[in-house]
């Protein structure tokens, strides 16, 4: 356990950041799940609307540093490709 004042403060900050990051990651997983569920049901319109909601959330989380920007770009790209493939089929 931390003993110094600075170490105690650092522990408090780490706890806050961990909870904040956990919340953001859960939010990303939720919006990605909505897109994937629409894709599984072959609902092109629903997948498109879910993607429109998901992209800004993923980008925002990457902007905060919780998710690496390349990982976020990869998620957005893959989801977009899947939605476009469904619309083209």
N, C-alpha and C. Protein backbone atom coordinates (compact mmCIF):
# COMPACT_ATOMS: atom_id res chain seq x y z
N UNK A 1 0.84 -1.18 0.00
CA UNK A 1 0.00 0.00 0.00
C UNK A 1 0.88 1.24 0.00
N UNK A 2 0.42 2.25 -0.68
CA UNK A 2 1.18 3.50 -0.76
C UNK A 2 1.23 4.19 0.60
N UNK A 3 2.37 4.81 0.87
CA UNK A 3 2.53 5.51 2.16
C UNK A 3 2.74 7.01 1.97
N UNK A 4 3.48 7.38 0.94
CA UNK A 4 3.76 8.80 0.73
C UNK A 4 2.53 9.51 0.19
N UNK A 5 2.44 10.78 0.46
CA UNK A 5 1.28 11.57 0.03
C UNK A 5 1.14 11.52 -1.49
N UNK A 6 2.26 11.66 -2.19
CA UNK A 6 2.20 11.66 -3.66
C UNK A 6 1.76 10.29 -4.19
N UNK A 7 2.20 9.22 -3.52
CA UNK A 7 1.81 7.87 -3.94
C UNK A 7 0.33 7.62 -3.66
N UNK A 8 -0.16 8.17 -2.56
CA UNK A 8 -1.59 8.03 -2.25
C UNK A 8 -2.43 8.77 -3.29
N UNK A 9 -1.98 9.97 -3.66
CA UNK A 9 -2.70 10.73 -4.68
C UNK A 9 -2.68 9.99 -6.00
N UNK A 10 -1.51 9.44 -6.36
CA UNK A 10 -1.40 8.69 -7.61
C UNK A 10 -2.34 7.49 -7.61
N UNK A 11 -2.48 6.82 -6.48
CA UNK A 11 -3.39 5.67 -6.38
C UNK A 11 -4.83 6.11 -6.58
N UNK A 12 -5.19 7.27 -6.00
CA UNK A 12 -6.55 7.79 -6.20
C UNK A 12 -6.80 8.13 -7.66
N UNK A 13 -5.82 8.76 -8.29
CA UNK A 13 -5.96 9.13 -9.70
C UNK A 13 -6.09 7.89 -10.58
N UNK A 14 -5.27 6.88 -10.28
CA UNK A 14 -5.32 5.65 -11.07
C UNK A 14 -6.68 4.97 -10.95
N UNK A 15 -7.25 5.01 -9.76
CA UNK A 15 -8.57 4.39 -9.55
C UNK A 15 -9.63 5.12 -10.37
N UNK A 16 -9.60 6.46 -10.33
CA UNK A 16 -10.56 7.25 -11.11
C UNK A 16 -10.42 6.97 -12.60
N UNK A 17 -9.17 6.96 -13.07
CA UNK A 17 -8.93 6.73 -14.49
C UNK A 17 -9.37 5.34 -14.92
N UNK A 18 -9.10 4.35 -14.07
CA UNK A 18 -9.48 2.98 -14.40
C UNK A 18 -10.99 2.86 -14.54
N UNK A 19 -11.73 3.46 -13.62
CA UNK A 19 -13.19 3.40 -13.69
C UNK A 19 -13.72 4.16 -14.90
N UNK A 20 -13.11 5.31 -15.20
CA UNK A 20 -13.53 6.10 -16.36
C UNK A 20 -13.26 5.33 -17.65
N UNK A 21 -12.07 4.74 -17.76
CA UNK A 21 -11.72 3.97 -18.96
C UNK A 21 -12.61 2.74 -19.11
N UNK A 22 -12.90 2.11 -17.99
CA UNK A 22 -13.76 0.92 -18.00
C UNK A 22 -15.14 1.28 -18.54
N UNK A 23 -15.66 2.42 -18.11
CA UNK A 23 -16.97 2.87 -18.57
C UNK A 23 -16.95 3.15 -20.06
N UNK A 24 -15.91 3.82 -20.52
CA UNK A 24 -15.80 4.14 -21.95
C UNK A 24 -15.69 2.88 -22.80
N UNK A 25 -14.88 1.92 -22.36
CA UNK A 25 -14.72 0.68 -23.12
C UNK A 25 -16.03 -0.10 -23.19
N UNK A 26 -16.77 -0.10 -22.08
CA UNK A 26 -18.07 -0.78 -22.05
C UNK A 26 -19.03 -0.11 -23.03
N UNK A 27 -18.98 1.20 -23.10
CA UNK A 27 -19.84 1.95 -24.03
C UNK A 27 -19.50 1.59 -25.47
N UNK A 28 -18.21 1.48 -25.77
CA UNK A 28 -17.79 1.10 -27.13
C UNK A 28 -18.28 -0.31 -27.44
N UNK A 29 -18.13 -1.22 -26.51
CA UNK A 29 -18.58 -2.59 -26.74
C UNK A 29 -20.08 -2.63 -27.00
N UNK A 30 -20.83 -1.79 -26.30
CA UNK A 30 -22.28 -1.76 -26.49
C UNK A 30 -22.68 -1.28 -27.86
N UNK A 31 -22.06 -0.20 -28.34
CA UNK A 31 -22.44 0.31 -29.66
C UNK A 31 -21.98 -0.63 -30.77
N UNK A 32 -20.83 -1.28 -30.58
CA UNK A 32 -20.37 -2.26 -31.57
C UNK A 32 -21.31 -3.46 -31.60
N UNK A 33 -21.78 -3.86 -30.42
CA UNK A 33 -22.71 -4.99 -30.34
C UNK A 33 -24.01 -4.68 -31.08
N UNK A 34 -24.49 -3.44 -30.97
CA UNK A 34 -25.73 -3.06 -31.66
C UNK A 34 -25.56 -3.18 -33.18
N UNK A 35 -24.41 -2.74 -33.68
CA UNK A 35 -24.15 -2.84 -35.12
C UNK A 35 -24.08 -4.31 -35.54
N UNK A 36 -23.38 -5.11 -34.77
CA UNK A 36 -23.21 -6.53 -35.11
C UNK A 36 -24.54 -7.28 -35.04
N UNK A 37 -25.40 -6.91 -34.09
CA UNK A 37 -26.71 -7.57 -34.01
C UNK A 37 -27.55 -7.23 -35.23
N UNK A 38 -27.51 -5.99 -35.67
CA UNK A 38 -28.24 -5.60 -36.87
C UNK A 38 -27.69 -6.33 -38.09
N UNK A 39 -26.37 -6.51 -38.13
CA UNK A 39 -25.76 -7.23 -39.24
C UNK A 39 -26.19 -8.70 -39.23
N UNK A 40 -26.26 -9.30 -38.05
CA UNK A 40 -26.64 -10.70 -37.93
C UNK A 40 -28.09 -10.92 -38.36
N UNK A 41 -28.92 -9.89 -38.14
CA UNK A 41 -30.33 -10.00 -38.52
C UNK A 41 -30.57 -9.57 -39.96
N UNK A 42 -29.48 -9.24 -40.67
CA UNK A 42 -29.56 -8.80 -42.07
C UNK A 42 -30.42 -7.54 -42.22
N UNK A 43 -30.38 -6.68 -41.21
CA UNK A 43 -31.15 -5.44 -41.21
C UNK A 43 -30.24 -4.31 -41.67
N UNK A 44 -30.26 -4.01 -42.96
CA UNK A 44 -29.33 -3.02 -43.52
C UNK A 44 -29.60 -1.62 -42.97
N UNK A 45 -30.86 -1.23 -42.87
CA UNK A 45 -31.18 0.10 -42.36
C UNK A 45 -30.80 0.24 -40.89
N UNK A 46 -31.09 -0.78 -40.12
CA UNK A 46 -30.73 -0.77 -38.70
C UNK A 46 -29.23 -0.76 -38.48
N UNK A 47 -28.52 -1.51 -39.31
CA UNK A 47 -27.06 -1.54 -39.21
C UNK A 47 -26.47 -0.19 -39.56
N UNK A 48 -27.04 0.45 -40.57
CA UNK A 48 -26.55 1.77 -40.98
C UNK A 48 -26.77 2.80 -39.87
N UNK A 49 -27.96 2.81 -39.28
CA UNK A 49 -28.24 3.78 -38.21
C UNK A 49 -27.39 3.49 -36.97
N UNK A 50 -27.18 2.20 -36.67
CA UNK A 50 -26.34 1.85 -35.52
C UNK A 50 -24.89 2.26 -35.77
N UNK A 51 -24.45 2.13 -37.02
CA UNK A 51 -23.08 2.53 -37.37
C UNK A 51 -22.91 4.03 -37.23
N UNK A 52 -23.92 4.78 -37.65
CA UNK A 52 -23.86 6.25 -37.55
C UNK A 52 -23.75 6.67 -36.08
N UNK A 53 -24.37 5.92 -35.19
CA UNK A 53 -24.26 6.21 -33.76
C UNK A 53 -22.93 5.74 -33.19
N UNK A 54 -22.41 4.63 -33.72
CA UNK A 54 -21.21 4.01 -33.15
C UNK A 54 -19.93 4.76 -33.50
N UNK A 55 -19.84 5.29 -34.71
CA UNK A 55 -18.59 5.91 -35.16
C UNK A 55 -18.16 7.08 -34.27
N UNK A 56 -19.04 8.03 -33.94
CA UNK A 56 -18.58 9.11 -33.07
C UNK A 56 -18.20 8.66 -31.67
N UNK A 57 -18.87 7.63 -31.16
CA UNK A 57 -18.54 7.13 -29.83
C UNK A 57 -17.13 6.54 -29.84
N UNK A 58 -16.84 5.72 -30.84
CA UNK A 58 -15.52 5.10 -30.94
C UNK A 58 -14.45 6.17 -31.13
N UNK A 59 -14.73 7.15 -31.98
CA UNK A 59 -13.76 8.22 -32.22
C UNK A 59 -13.52 9.04 -30.96
N UNK A 60 -14.57 9.30 -30.21
CA UNK A 60 -14.44 10.08 -28.99
C UNK A 60 -13.59 9.34 -27.96
N UNK A 61 -13.82 8.05 -27.82
CA UNK A 61 -13.05 7.25 -26.86
C UNK A 61 -11.58 7.21 -27.27
N UNK A 62 -11.32 7.13 -28.57
CA UNK A 62 -9.94 7.16 -29.04
C UNK A 62 -9.32 8.53 -28.78
N UNK A 63 -10.09 9.57 -28.94
CA UNK A 63 -9.59 10.92 -28.69
C UNK A 63 -9.22 11.15 -27.24
N UNK A 64 -9.90 10.47 -26.34
CA UNK A 64 -9.60 10.59 -24.92
C UNK A 64 -8.38 9.76 -24.52
N UNK A 65 -7.94 8.86 -25.41
CA UNK A 65 -6.77 8.05 -25.11
C UNK A 65 -7.09 6.71 -24.48
N UNK A 66 -8.35 6.40 -24.31
CA UNK A 66 -8.71 5.12 -23.72
C UNK A 66 -8.46 3.98 -24.71
N UNK A 67 -8.73 4.25 -25.96
CA UNK A 67 -8.54 3.27 -27.04
C UNK A 67 -7.51 3.87 -27.99
N UNK A 68 -6.58 3.06 -28.45
CA UNK A 68 -5.56 3.56 -29.37
C UNK A 68 -6.24 4.00 -30.66
N UNK A 69 -5.74 5.07 -31.26
CA UNK A 69 -6.40 5.63 -32.44
C UNK A 69 -6.40 4.66 -33.60
N UNK A 70 -5.38 3.84 -33.72
CA UNK A 70 -5.37 2.86 -34.82
C UNK A 70 -6.36 1.74 -34.57
N UNK A 71 -6.51 1.34 -33.32
CA UNK A 71 -7.50 0.31 -32.97
C UNK A 71 -8.90 0.84 -33.25
N UNK A 72 -9.12 2.11 -32.94
CA UNK A 72 -10.42 2.72 -33.21
C UNK A 72 -10.68 2.80 -34.70
N UNK A 73 -9.69 3.20 -35.47
CA UNK A 73 -9.83 3.28 -36.92
C UNK A 73 -10.11 1.91 -37.51
N UNK A 74 -9.46 0.89 -36.95
CA UNK A 74 -9.67 -0.48 -37.43
C UNK A 74 -11.10 -0.95 -37.14
N UNK A 75 -11.59 -0.65 -35.94
CA UNK A 75 -12.97 -1.03 -35.59
C UNK A 75 -13.96 -0.34 -36.52
N UNK A 76 -13.78 0.96 -36.72
CA UNK A 76 -14.69 1.71 -37.58
C UNK A 76 -14.64 1.18 -39.00
N UNK A 77 -13.44 0.92 -39.49
CA UNK A 77 -13.27 0.43 -40.86
C UNK A 77 -13.94 -0.92 -41.06
N UNK A 78 -13.73 -1.83 -40.14
CA UNK A 78 -14.30 -3.17 -40.28
C UNK A 78 -15.82 -3.14 -40.20
N UNK A 79 -16.35 -2.36 -39.27
CA UNK A 79 -17.80 -2.25 -39.18
C UNK A 79 -18.39 -1.64 -40.44
N UNK A 80 -17.73 -0.60 -40.95
CA UNK A 80 -18.21 0.06 -42.16
C UNK A 80 -18.20 -0.89 -43.34
N UNK A 81 -17.13 -1.66 -43.47
CA UNK A 81 -17.04 -2.63 -44.57
C UNK A 81 -18.16 -3.67 -44.48
N UNK A 82 -18.45 -4.12 -43.26
CA UNK A 82 -19.50 -5.12 -43.10
C UNK A 82 -20.87 -4.55 -43.43
N UNK A 83 -21.12 -3.32 -43.01
CA UNK A 83 -22.41 -2.69 -43.31
C UNK A 83 -22.54 -2.45 -44.81
N UNK A 84 -21.47 -1.99 -45.45
CA UNK A 84 -21.51 -1.76 -46.90
C UNK A 84 -21.71 -3.08 -47.66
N UNK A 85 -21.10 -4.14 -47.20
CA UNK A 85 -21.28 -5.45 -47.83
C UNK A 85 -22.73 -5.91 -47.72
N UNK A 86 -23.34 -5.66 -46.57
CA UNK A 86 -24.75 -6.04 -46.37
C UNK A 86 -25.65 -5.23 -47.28
N UNK A 87 -25.35 -3.94 -47.45
CA UNK A 87 -26.18 -3.10 -48.31
C UNK A 87 -26.01 -3.46 -49.78
N UNK A 88 -24.79 -3.90 -50.13
CA UNK A 88 -24.53 -4.27 -51.53
C UNK A 88 -25.14 -5.62 -51.89
N UNK A 89 -25.34 -6.47 -50.89
CA UNK A 89 -25.85 -7.82 -51.17
C UNK A 89 -27.35 -7.83 -51.42
